[in-house]
mmCIF file of all heavy atoms, coordinates in Angstrom:
data_MODEL
# 
_entry.id   MODEL 
# 
loop_
_atom_site.group_PDB 
_atom_site.id 
_atom_site.type_symbol 
_atom_site.label_atom_id 
_atom_site.label_alt_id 
_atom_site.label_comp_id 
_atom_site.label_asym_id 
_atom_site.label_entity_id 
_atom_site.label_seq_id 
_atom_site.pdbx_PDB_ins_code 
_atom_site.Cartn_x 
_atom_site.Cartn_y 
_atom_site.Cartn_z 
_atom_site.occupancy 
_atom_site.B_iso_or_equiv 
_atom_site.pdbx_formal_charge 
_atom_site.auth_seq_id 
_atom_site.auth_comp_id 
_atom_site.auth_asym_id 
_atom_site.auth_atom_id 
_atom_site.pdbx_PDB_model_num 
ATOM 1   N N   . LEU A 1 1  ? 79.903 95.042  101.530 1.00 0.00 ? 1  LEU A N   1 
ATOM 2   C CA  . LEU A 1 1  ? 80.661 95.881  102.447 1.00 0.00 ? 1  LEU A CA  1 
ATOM 3   C C   . LEU A 1 1  ? 81.428 94.998  103.424 1.00 0.00 ? 1  LEU A C   1 
ATOM 4   O O   . LEU A 1 1  ? 81.132 93.819  103.592 1.00 0.00 ? 1  LEU A O   1 
ATOM 5   C CB  . LEU A 1 1  ? 79.734 96.833  103.211 1.00 0.00 ? 1  LEU A CB  1 
ATOM 6   C CG  . LEU A 1 1  ? 78.896 97.801  102.367 1.00 0.00 ? 1  LEU A CG  1 
ATOM 7   C CD1 . LEU A 1 1  ? 77.994 98.636  103.253 1.00 0.00 ? 1  LEU A CD1 1 
ATOM 8   C CD2 . LEU A 1 1  ? 79.788 98.697  101.509 1.00 0.00 ? 1  LEU A CD2 1 
ATOM 9   N N   . LEU A 1 2  ? 82.383 95.615  104.089 1.00 0.00 ? 2  LEU A N   1 
ATOM 10  C CA  . LEU A 1 2  ? 83.249 94.854  104.995 1.00 0.00 ? 2  LEU A CA  1 
ATOM 11  C C   . LEU A 1 2  ? 83.473 95.653  106.269 1.00 0.00 ? 2  LEU A C   1 
ATOM 12  O O   . LEU A 1 2  ? 83.711 96.866  106.232 1.00 0.00 ? 2  LEU A O   1 
ATOM 13  C CB  . LEU A 1 2  ? 84.603 94.574  104.327 1.00 0.00 ? 2  LEU A CB  1 
ATOM 14  C CG  . LEU A 1 2  ? 85.616 93.743  105.125 1.00 0.00 ? 2  LEU A CG  1 
ATOM 15  C CD1 . LEU A 1 2  ? 85.115 92.318  105.286 1.00 0.00 ? 2  LEU A CD1 1 
ATOM 16  C CD2 . LEU A 1 2  ? 86.974 93.753  104.422 1.00 0.00 ? 2  LEU A CD2 1 
ATOM 17  N N   . SER A 1 3  ? 83.366 94.969  107.398 1.00 0.00 ? 3  SER A N   1 
ATOM 18  C CA  . SER A 1 3  ? 83.753 95.537  108.694 1.00 0.00 ? 3  SER A CA  1 
ATOM 19  C C   . SER A 1 3  ? 85.045 94.860  109.117 1.00 0.00 ? 3  SER A C   1 
ATOM 20  O O   . SER A 1 3  ? 85.129 93.632  109.163 1.00 0.00 ? 3  SER A O   1 
ATOM 21  C CB  . SER A 1 3  ? 82.664 95.311  109.739 1.00 0.00 ? 3  SER A CB  1 
ATOM 22  O OG  . SER A 1 3  ? 83.066 95.839  110.987 1.00 0.00 ? 3  SER A OG  1 
ATOM 23  N N   . LEU A 1 4  ? 86.059 95.675  109.452 1.00 0.00 ? 4  LEU A N   1 
ATOM 24  C CA  . LEU A 1 4  ? 87.411 95.159  109.632 1.00 0.00 ? 4  LEU A CA  1 
ATOM 25  C C   . LEU A 1 4  ? 87.909 95.480  111.033 1.00 0.00 ? 4  LEU A C   1 
ATOM 26  O O   . LEU A 1 4  ? 87.551 96.513  111.622 1.00 0.00 ? 4  LEU A O   1 
ATOM 27  C CB  . LEU A 1 4  ? 88.333 95.787  108.586 1.00 0.00 ? 4  LEU A CB  1 
ATOM 28  C CG  . LEU A 1 4  ? 89.748 95.236  108.405 1.00 0.00 ? 4  LEU A CG  1 
ATOM 29  C CD1 . LEU A 1 4  ? 89.712 93.768  108.004 1.00 0.00 ? 4  LEU A CD1 1 
ATOM 30  C CD2 . LEU A 1 4  ? 90.503 96.049  107.365 1.00 0.00 ? 4  LEU A CD2 1 
ATOM 31  N N   . ASP A 1 5  ? 88.754 94.591  111.560 1.00 0.00 ? 5  ASP A N   1 
ATOM 32  C CA  . ASP A 1 5  ? 89.410 94.844  112.841 1.00 0.00 ? 5  ASP A CA  1 
ATOM 33  C C   . ASP A 1 5  ? 90.310 96.082  112.706 1.00 0.00 ? 5  ASP A C   1 
ATOM 34  O O   . ASP A 1 5  ? 91.120 96.189  111.780 1.00 0.00 ? 5  ASP A O   1 
ATOM 35  C CB  . ASP A 1 5  ? 90.244 93.624  113.240 1.00 0.00 ? 5  ASP A CB  1 
ATOM 36  C CG  . ASP A 1 5  ? 90.997 93.836  114.541 1.00 0.00 ? 5  ASP A CG  1 
ATOM 37  O OD1 . ASP A 1 5  ? 90.635 94.747  115.298 1.00 0.00 ? 5  ASP A OD1 1 
ATOM 38  O OD2 . ASP A 1 5  ? 91.968 93.097  114.785 1.00 0.00 ? 5  ASP A OD2 1 
ATOM 39  N N   . ALA A 1 6  ? 90.165 97.037  113.635 1.00 0.00 ? 6  ALA A N   1 
ATOM 40  C CA  . ALA A 1 6  ? 90.885 98.306  113.526 1.00 0.00 ? 6  ALA A CA  1 
ATOM 41  C C   . ALA A 1 6  ? 92.397 98.110  113.574 1.00 0.00 ? 6  ALA A C   1 
ATOM 42  O O   . ALA A 1 6  ? 93.142 98.796  112.861 1.00 0.00 ? 6  ALA A O   1 
ATOM 43  C CB  . ALA A 1 6  ? 90.431 99.257  114.631 1.00 0.00 ? 6  ALA A CB  1 
ATOM 44  N N   . ARG A 1 7  ? 92.864 97.185  114.394 1.00 0.00 ? 7  ARG A N   1 
ATOM 45  C CA  . ARG A 1 7  ? 94.310 96.971  114.486 1.00 0.00 ? 7  ARG A CA  1 
ATOM 46  C C   . ARG A 1 7  ? 94.863 96.343  113.219 1.00 0.00 ? 7  ARG A C   1 
ATOM 47  O O   . ARG A 1 7  ? 95.955 96.689  112.758 1.00 0.00 ? 7  ARG A O   1 
ATOM 48  C CB  . ARG A 1 7  ? 94.626 96.100  115.702 1.00 0.00 ? 7  ARG A CB  1 
ATOM 49  C CG  . ARG A 1 7  ? 94.325 96.783  117.029 1.00 0.00 ? 7  ARG A CG  1 
ATOM 50  C CD  . ARG A 1 7  ? 94.648 95.893  118.204 1.00 0.00 ? 7  ARG A CD  1 
ATOM 51  N NE  . ARG A 1 7  ? 94.392 96.572  119.478 1.00 0.00 ? 7  ARG A NE  1 
ATOM 52  C CZ  . ARG A 1 7  ? 94.517 95.990  120.662 1.00 0.00 ? 7  ARG A CZ  1 
ATOM 53  N NH1 . ARG A 1 7  ? 94.886 94.714  120.731 1.00 0.00 ? 7  ARG A NH1 1 
ATOM 54  N NH2 . ARG A 1 7  ? 94.262 96.665  121.770 1.00 0.00 ? 7  ARG A NH2 1 
ATOM 55  N N   . LEU A 1 8  ? 94.117 95.412  112.645 1.00 0.00 ? 8  LEU A N   1 
ATOM 56  C CA  . LEU A 1 8  ? 94.547 94.821  111.387 1.00 0.00 ? 8  LEU A CA  1 
ATOM 57  C C   . LEU A 1 8  ? 94.542 95.871  110.277 1.00 0.00 ? 8  LEU A C   1 
ATOM 58  O O   . LEU A 1 8  ? 95.450 95.912  109.437 1.00 0.00 ? 8  LEU A O   1 
ATOM 59  C CB  . LEU A 1 8  ? 93.631 93.655  111.022 1.00 0.00 ? 8  LEU A CB  1 
ATOM 60  C CG  . LEU A 1 8  ? 93.967 92.918  109.719 1.00 0.00 ? 8  LEU A CG  1 
ATOM 61  C CD1 . LEU A 1 8  ? 95.343 92.280  109.805 1.00 0.00 ? 8  LEU A CD1 1 
ATOM 62  C CD2 . LEU A 1 8  ? 92.904 91.876  109.407 1.00 0.00 ? 8  LEU A CD2 1 
ATOM 63  N N   . ALA A 1 9  ? 93.509 96.715  110.271 1.00 0.00 ? 9  ALA A N   1 
ATOM 64  C CA  . ALA A 1 9  ? 93.446 97.775  109.263 1.00 0.00 ? 9  ALA A CA  1 
ATOM 65  C C   . ALA A 1 9  ? 94.628 98.730  109.401 1.00 0.00 ? 9  ALA A C   1 
ATOM 66  O O   . ALA A 1 9  ? 95.191 99.191  108.392 1.00 0.00 ? 9  ALA A O   1 
ATOM 67  C CB  . ALA A 1 9  ? 92.127 98.537  109.400 1.00 0.00 ? 9  ALA A CB  1 
ATOM 68  N N   . GLU A 1 10 ? 95.022 99.022  110.630 1.00 0.00 ? 10 GLU A N   1 
ATOM 69  C CA  . GLU A 1 10 ? 96.183 99.882  110.837 1.00 0.00 ? 10 GLU A CA  1 
ATOM 70  C C   . GLU A 1 10 ? 97.451 99.240  110.285 1.00 0.00 ? 10 GLU A C   1 
ATOM 71  O O   . GLU A 1 10 ? 98.287 99.904  109.665 1.00 0.00 ? 10 GLU A O   1 
ATOM 72  C CB  . GLU A 1 10 ? 96.345 100.182 112.328 1.00 0.00 ? 10 GLU A CB  1 
ATOM 73  C CG  . GLU A 1 10 ? 97.519 101.091 112.657 1.00 0.00 ? 10 GLU A CG  1 
ATOM 74  C CD  . GLU A 1 10 ? 97.674 101.309 114.150 1.00 0.00 ? 10 GLU A CD  1 
ATOM 75  O OE1 . GLU A 1 10 ? 96.847 100.774 114.933 1.00 0.00 ? 10 GLU A OE1 1 
ATOM 76  O OE2 . GLU A 1 10 ? 98.627 102.012 114.553 1.00 0.00 ? 10 GLU A OE2 1 
ATOM 77  N N   . GLY A 1 11 ? 97.598 97.932  110.522 1.00 0.00 ? 11 GLY A N   1 
ATOM 78  C CA  . GLY A 1 11 ? 98.771 97.243  109.993 1.00 0.00 ? 11 GLY A CA  1 
ATOM 79  C C   . GLY A 1 11 ? 98.769 97.159  108.475 1.00 0.00 ? 11 GLY A C   1 
ATOM 80  O O   . GLY A 1 11 ? 99.830 97.230  107.842 1.00 0.00 ? 11 GLY A O   1 
ATOM 81  N N   . TRP A 1 12 ? 97.598 97.022  107.882 1.00 0.00 ? 12 TRP A N   1 
ATOM 82  C CA  . TRP A 1 12 ? 97.492 96.952  106.424 1.00 0.00 ? 12 TRP A CA  1 
ATOM 83  C C   . TRP A 1 12 ? 97.551 98.328  105.769 1.00 0.00 ? 12 TRP A C   1 
ATOM 84  O O   . TRP A 1 12 ? 97.696 98.421  104.545 1.00 0.00 ? 12 TRP A O   1 
ATOM 85  C CB  . TRP A 1 12 ? 96.175 96.273  106.031 1.00 0.00 ? 12 TRP A CB  1 
ATOM 86  C CG  . TRP A 1 12 ? 96.206 94.786  106.186 1.00 0.00 ? 12 TRP A CG  1 
ATOM 87  C CD1 . TRP A 1 12 ? 97.244 94.019  106.608 1.00 0.00 ? 12 TRP A CD1 1 
ATOM 88  C CD2 . TRP A 1 12 ? 95.125 93.886  105.925 1.00 0.00 ? 12 TRP A CD2 1 
ATOM 89  N NE1 . TRP A 1 12 ? 96.892 92.690  106.637 1.00 0.00 ? 12 TRP A NE1 1 
ATOM 90  C CE2 . TRP A 1 12 ? 95.596 92.581  106.216 1.00 0.00 ? 12 TRP A CE2 1 
ATOM 91  C CE3 . TRP A 1 12 ? 93.826 94.045  105.488 1.00 0.00 ? 12 TRP A CE3 1 
ATOM 92  C CZ2 . TRP A 1 12 ? 94.800 91.449  106.073 1.00 0.00 ? 12 TRP A CZ2 1 
ATOM 93  C CZ3 . TRP A 1 12 ? 93.028 92.921  105.342 1.00 0.00 ? 12 TRP A CZ3 1 
ATOM 94  C CH2 . TRP A 1 12 ? 93.518 91.629  105.634 1.00 0.00 ? 12 TRP A CH2 1 
ATOM 95  N N   . GLY A 1 13 ? 97.351 99.373  106.571 1.00 0.00 ? 13 GLY A N   1 
ATOM 96  C CA  . GLY A 1 13 ? 97.263 100.703 105.982 1.00 0.00 ? 13 GLY A CA  1 
ATOM 97  C C   . GLY A 1 13 ? 95.936 100.949 105.290 1.00 0.00 ? 13 GLY A C   1 
ATOM 98  O O   . GLY A 1 13 ? 95.857 101.690 104.312 1.00 0.00 ? 13 GLY A O   1 
ATOM 99  N N   . VAL A 1 14 ? 94.873 100.320 105.813 1.00 0.00 ? 14 VAL A N   1 
ATOM 100 C CA  . VAL A 1 14 ? 93.535 100.415 105.216 1.00 0.00 ? 14 VAL A CA  1 
ATOM 101 C C   . VAL A 1 14 ? 92.658 101.263 106.112 1.00 0.00 ? 14 VAL A C   1 
ATOM 102 O O   . VAL A 1 14 ? 92.742 101.188 107.346 1.00 0.00 ? 14 VAL A O   1 
ATOM 103 C CB  . VAL A 1 14 ? 92.925 99.009  105.035 1.00 0.00 ? 14 VAL A CB  1 
ATOM 104 C CG1 . VAL A 1 14 ? 91.504 99.103  104.504 1.00 0.00 ? 14 VAL A CG1 1 
ATOM 105 C CG2 . VAL A 1 14 ? 93.782 98.183  104.090 1.00 0.00 ? 14 VAL A CG2 1 
ATOM 106 N N   . THR A 1 15 ? 91.794 102.066 105.515 1.00 0.00 ? 15 THR A N   1 
ATOM 107 C CA  . THR A 1 15 ? 90.864 102.874 106.281 1.00 0.00 ? 15 THR A CA  1 
ATOM 108 C C   . THR A 1 15 ? 89.476 102.780 105.654 1.00 0.00 ? 15 THR A C   1 
ATOM 109 O O   . THR A 1 15 ? 89.278 102.102 104.628 1.00 0.00 ? 15 THR A O   1 
ATOM 110 C CB  . THR A 1 15 ? 91.321 104.339 106.331 1.00 0.00 ? 15 THR A CB  1 
ATOM 111 O OG1 . THR A 1 15 ? 90.447 105.088 107.197 1.00 0.00 ? 15 THR A OG1 1 
ATOM 112 C CG2 . THR A 1 15 ? 91.311 104.960 104.947 1.00 0.00 ? 15 THR A CG2 1 
ATOM 113 N N   . VAL A 1 16 ? 88.502 103.446 106.269 1.00 0.00 ? 16 VAL A N   1 
ATOM 114 C CA  . VAL A 1 16 ? 87.127 103.413 105.772 1.00 0.00 ? 16 VAL A CA  1 
ATOM 115 C C   . VAL A 1 16 ? 87.067 104.011 104.361 1.00 0.00 ? 16 VAL A C   1 
ATOM 116 O O   . VAL A 1 16 ? 87.644 105.062 104.086 1.00 0.00 ? 16 VAL A O   1 
ATOM 117 C CB  . VAL A 1 16 ? 86.206 104.183 106.725 1.00 0.00 ? 16 VAL A CB  1 
ATOM 118 C CG1 . VAL A 1 16 ? 84.792 104.273 106.148 1.00 0.00 ? 16 VAL A CG1 1 
ATOM 119 C CG2 . VAL A 1 16 ? 86.161 103.504 108.079 1.00 0.00 ? 16 VAL A CG2 1 
ATOM 120 N N   . GLY A 1 17 ? 86.373 103.315 103.458 1.00 0.00 ? 17 GLY A N   1 
ATOM 121 C CA  . GLY A 1 17 ? 86.267 103.754 102.078 1.00 0.00 ? 17 GLY A CA  1 
ATOM 122 C C   . GLY A 1 17 ? 87.201 103.027 101.131 1.00 0.00 ? 17 GLY A C   1 
ATOM 123 O O   . GLY A 1 17 ? 86.978 103.046 99.911  1.00 0.00 ? 17 GLY A O   1 
ATOM 124 N N   . ASP A 1 18 ? 88.251 102.384 101.665 1.00 0.00 ? 18 ASP A N   1 
ATOM 125 C CA  . ASP A 1 18 ? 89.158 101.613 100.809 1.00 0.00 ? 18 ASP A CA  1 
ATOM 126 C C   . ASP A 1 18 ? 88.503 100.293 100.404 1.00 0.00 ? 18 ASP A C   1 
ATOM 127 O O   . ASP A 1 18 ? 87.503 99.858  100.995 1.00 0.00 ? 18 ASP A O   1 
ATOM 128 C CB  . ASP A 1 18 ? 90.476 101.342 101.531 1.00 0.00 ? 18 ASP A CB  1 
ATOM 129 C CG  . ASP A 1 18 ? 91.279 102.620 101.758 1.00 0.00 ? 18 ASP A CG  1 
ATOM 130 O OD1 . ASP A 1 18 ? 90.970 103.622 101.089 1.00 0.00 ? 18 ASP A OD1 1 
ATOM 131 O OD2 . ASP A 1 18 ? 92.187 102.614 102.609 1.00 0.00 ? 18 ASP A OD2 1 
ATOM 132 N N   . THR A 1 19 ? 89.112 99.634  99.430  1.00 0.00 ? 19 THR A N   1 
ATOM 133 C CA  . THR A 1 19 ? 88.586 98.372  98.920  1.00 0.00 ? 19 THR A CA  1 
ATOM 134 C C   . THR A 1 19 ? 89.564 97.243  99.201  1.00 0.00 ? 19 THR A C   1 
ATOM 135 O O   . THR A 1 19 ? 90.770 97.391  98.967  1.00 0.00 ? 19 THR A O   1 
ATOM 136 C CB  . THR A 1 19 ? 88.317 98.458  97.405  1.00 0.00 ? 19 THR A CB  1 
ATOM 137 O OG1 . THR A 1 19 ? 87.364 99.496  97.172  1.00 0.00 ? 19 THR A OG1 1 
ATOM 138 C CG2 . THR A 1 19 ? 87.765 97.149  96.868  1.00 0.00 ? 19 THR A CG2 1 
ATOM 139 N N   . VAL A 1 20 ? 89.043 96.142  99.715  1.00 0.00 ? 20 VAL A N   1 
ATOM 140 C CA  . VAL A 1 20 ? 89.840 94.956  99.997  1.00 0.00 ? 20 VAL A CA  1 
ATOM 141 C C   . VAL A 1 20 ? 89.320 93.825  99.117  1.00 0.00 ? 20 VAL A C   1 
ATOM 142 O O   . VAL A 1 20 ? 88.109 93.566  99.065  1.00 0.00 ? 20 VAL A O   1 
ATOM 143 C CB  . VAL A 1 20 ? 89.744 94.560  101.484 1.00 0.00 ? 20 VAL A CB  1 
ATOM 144 C CG1 . VAL A 1 20 ? 90.514 93.273  101.743 1.00 0.00 ? 20 VAL A CG1 1 
ATOM 145 C CG2 . VAL A 1 20 ? 90.286 95.674  102.372 1.00 0.00 ? 20 VAL A CG2 1 
ATOM 146 N N   . THR A 1 21 ? 90.222 93.161  98.404  1.00 0.00 ? 21 THR A N   1 
ATOM 147 C CA  . THR A 1 21 ? 89.842 92.049  97.531  1.00 0.00 ? 21 THR A CA  1 
ATOM 148 C C   . THR A 1 21 ? 90.161 90.727  98.216  1.00 0.00 ? 21 THR A C   1 
ATOM 149 O O   . THR A 1 21 ? 91.293 90.486  98.625  1.00 0.00 ? 21 THR A O   1 
ATOM 150 C CB  . THR A 1 21 ? 90.586 92.131  96.189  1.00 0.00 ? 21 THR A CB  1 
ATOM 151 O OG1 . THR A 1 21 ? 90.284 93.376  95.558  1.00 0.00 ? 21 THR A OG1 1 
ATOM 152 C CG2 . THR A 1 21 ? 90.169 90.989  95.269  1.00 0.00 ? 21 THR A CG2 1 
ATOM 153 N N   . LEU A 1 22 ? 89.143 89.872  98.355  1.00 0.00 ? 22 LEU A N   1 
ATOM 154 C CA  . LEU A 1 22 ? 89.296 88.576  99.012  1.00 0.00 ? 22 LEU A CA  1 
ATOM 155 C C   . LEU A 1 22 ? 89.055 87.453  98.007  1.00 0.00 ? 22 LEU A C   1 
ATOM 156 O O   . LEU A 1 22 ? 88.177 87.564  97.131  1.00 0.00 ? 22 LEU A O   1 
ATOM 157 C CB  . LEU A 1 22 ? 88.302 88.444  100.165 1.00 0.00 ? 22 LEU A CB  1 
ATOM 158 C CG  . LEU A 1 22 ? 88.392 89.486  101.284 1.00 0.00 ? 22 LEU A CG  1 
ATOM 159 C CD1 . LEU A 1 22 ? 87.321 89.221  102.333 1.00 0.00 ? 22 LEU A CD1 1 
ATOM 160 C CD2 . LEU A 1 22 ? 89.762 89.490  101.923 1.00 0.00 ? 22 LEU A CD2 1 
ATOM 161 N N   . ASP A 1 23 ? 89.826 86.403  98.140  1.00 0.00 ? 23 ASP A N   1 
ATOM 162 C CA  . ASP A 1 23 ? 89.647 85.199  97.325  1.00 0.00 ? 23 ASP A CA  1 
ATOM 163 C C   . ASP A 1 23 ? 88.717 84.265  98.091  1.00 0.00 ? 23 ASP A C   1 
ATOM 164 O O   . ASP A 1 23 ? 89.097 83.649  99.080  1.00 0.00 ? 23 ASP A O   1 
ATOM 165 C CB  . ASP A 1 23 ? 91.001 84.540  97.063  1.00 0.00 ? 23 ASP A CB  1 
ATOM 166 C CG  . ASP A 1 23 ? 90.887 83.328  96.137  1.00 0.00 ? 23 ASP A CG  1 
ATOM 167 O OD1 . ASP A 1 23 ? 89.753 82.837  95.950  1.00 0.00 ? 23 ASP A OD1 1 
ATOM 168 O OD2 . ASP A 1 23 ? 91.921 82.890  95.619  1.00 0.00 ? 23 ASP A OD2 1 
ATOM 169 N N   . ILE A 1 24 ? 87.480 84.178  97.641  1.00 0.00 ? 24 ILE A N   1 
ATOM 170 C CA  . ILE A 1 24 ? 86.463 83.359  98.306  1.00 0.00 ? 24 ILE A CA  1 
ATOM 171 C C   . ILE A 1 24 ? 86.040 82.257  97.350  1.00 0.00 ? 24 ILE A C   1 
ATOM 172 O O   . ILE A 1 24 ? 85.432 82.520  96.294  1.00 0.00 ? 24 ILE A O   1 
ATOM 173 C CB  . ILE A 1 24 ? 85.252 84.211  98.728  1.00 0.00 ? 24 ILE A CB  1 
ATOM 174 C CG1 . ILE A 1 24 ? 85.704 85.343  99.653  1.00 0.00 ? 24 ILE A CG1 1 
ATOM 175 C CG2 . ILE A 1 24 ? 84.197 83.345  99.411  1.00 0.00 ? 24 ILE A CG2 1 
ATOM 176 C CD1 . ILE A 1 24 ? 84.601 86.279  100.069 1.00 0.00 ? 24 ILE A CD1 1 
ATOM 177 N N   . LEU A 1 25 ? 86.386 81.016  97.673  1.00 0.00 ? 25 LEU A N   1 
ATOM 178 C CA  . LEU A 1 25 ? 86.047 79.845  96.867  1.00 0.00 ? 25 LEU A CA  1 
ATOM 179 C C   . LEU A 1 25 ? 86.516 80.019  95.420  1.00 0.00 ? 25 LEU A C   1 
ATOM 180 O O   . LEU A 1 25 ? 85.810 79.676  94.472  1.00 0.00 ? 25 LEU A O   1 
ATOM 181 C CB  . LEU A 1 25 ? 84.539 79.582  96.912  1.00 0.00 ? 25 LEU A CB  1 
ATOM 182 C CG  . LEU A 1 25 ? 83.946 79.282  98.295  1.00 0.00 ? 25 LEU A CG  1 
ATOM 183 C CD1 . LEU A 1 25 ? 82.435 79.110  98.219  1.00 0.00 ? 25 LEU A CD1 1 
ATOM 184 C CD2 . LEU A 1 25 ? 84.599 78.055  98.897  1.00 0.00 ? 25 LEU A CD2 1 
ATOM 185 N N   . GLY A 1 26 ? 87.728 80.587  95.257  1.00 0.00 ? 26 GLY A N   1 
ATOM 186 C CA  . GLY A 1 26 ? 88.302 80.734  93.927  1.00 0.00 ? 26 GLY A CA  1 
ATOM 187 C C   . GLY A 1 26 ? 87.869 81.969  93.181  1.00 0.00 ? 26 GLY A C   1 
ATOM 188 O O   . GLY A 1 26 ? 88.300 82.195  92.048  1.00 0.00 ? 26 GLY A O   1 
ATOM 189 N N   . ARG A 1 27 ? 87.045 82.815  93.774  1.00 0.00 ? 27 ARG A N   1 
ATOM 190 C CA  . ARG A 1 27 ? 86.596 84.051  93.127  1.00 0.00 ? 27 ARG A CA  1 
ATOM 191 C C   . ARG A 1 27 ? 87.156 85.253  93.872  1.00 0.00 ? 27 ARG A C   1 
ATOM 192 O O   . ARG A 1 27 ? 87.144 85.291  95.106  1.00 0.00 ? 27 ARG A O   1 
ATOM 193 C CB  . ARG A 1 27 ? 85.067 84.126  93.104  1.00 0.00 ? 27 ARG A CB  1 
ATOM 194 C CG  . ARG A 1 27 ? 84.380 83.069  92.268  1.00 0.00 ? 27 ARG A CG  1 
ATOM 195 C CD  . ARG A 1 27 ? 82.877 83.225  92.351  1.00 0.00 ? 27 ARG A CD  1 
ATOM 196 N NE  . ARG A 1 27 ? 82.468 84.579  91.989  1.00 0.00 ? 27 ARG A NE  1 
ATOM 197 C CZ  . ARG A 1 27 ? 81.238 85.057  92.179  1.00 0.00 ? 27 ARG A CZ  1 
ATOM 198 N NH1 . ARG A 1 27 ? 80.300 84.285  92.739  1.00 0.00 ? 27 ARG A NH1 1 
ATOM 199 N NH2 . ARG A 1 27 ? 80.936 86.293  91.821  1.00 0.00 ? 27 ARG A NH2 1 
ATOM 200 N N   . ASP A 1 28 ? 87.638 86.232  93.110  1.00 0.00 ? 28 ASP A N   1 
ATOM 201 C CA  . ASP A 1 28 ? 88.114 87.475  93.706  1.00 0.00 ? 28 ASP A CA  1 
ATOM 202 C C   . ASP A 1 28 ? 86.933 88.419  93.869  1.00 0.00 ? 28 ASP A C   1 
ATOM 203 O O   . ASP A 1 28 ? 86.301 88.834  92.873  1.00 0.00 ? 28 ASP A O   1 
ATOM 204 C CB  . ASP A 1 28 ? 89.185 88.132  92.824  1.00 0.00 ? 28 ASP A CB  1 
ATOM 205 C CG  . ASP A 1 28 ? 90.485 87.337  92.816  1.00 0.00 ? 28 ASP A CG  1 
ATOM 206 O OD1 . ASP A 1 28 ? 90.697 86.577  93.778  1.00 0.00 ? 28 ASP A OD1 1 
ATOM 207 O OD2 . ASP A 1 28 ? 91.264 87.474  91.859  1.00 0.00 ? 28 ASP A OD2 1 
# 
């Protein structure tokens, strides 16, 4: 799970329940 900055989420158009994919050490 992920906890996100509300202002960044607003800029990204992301809300609770959405999925964010991060590249961590070469893995998505």
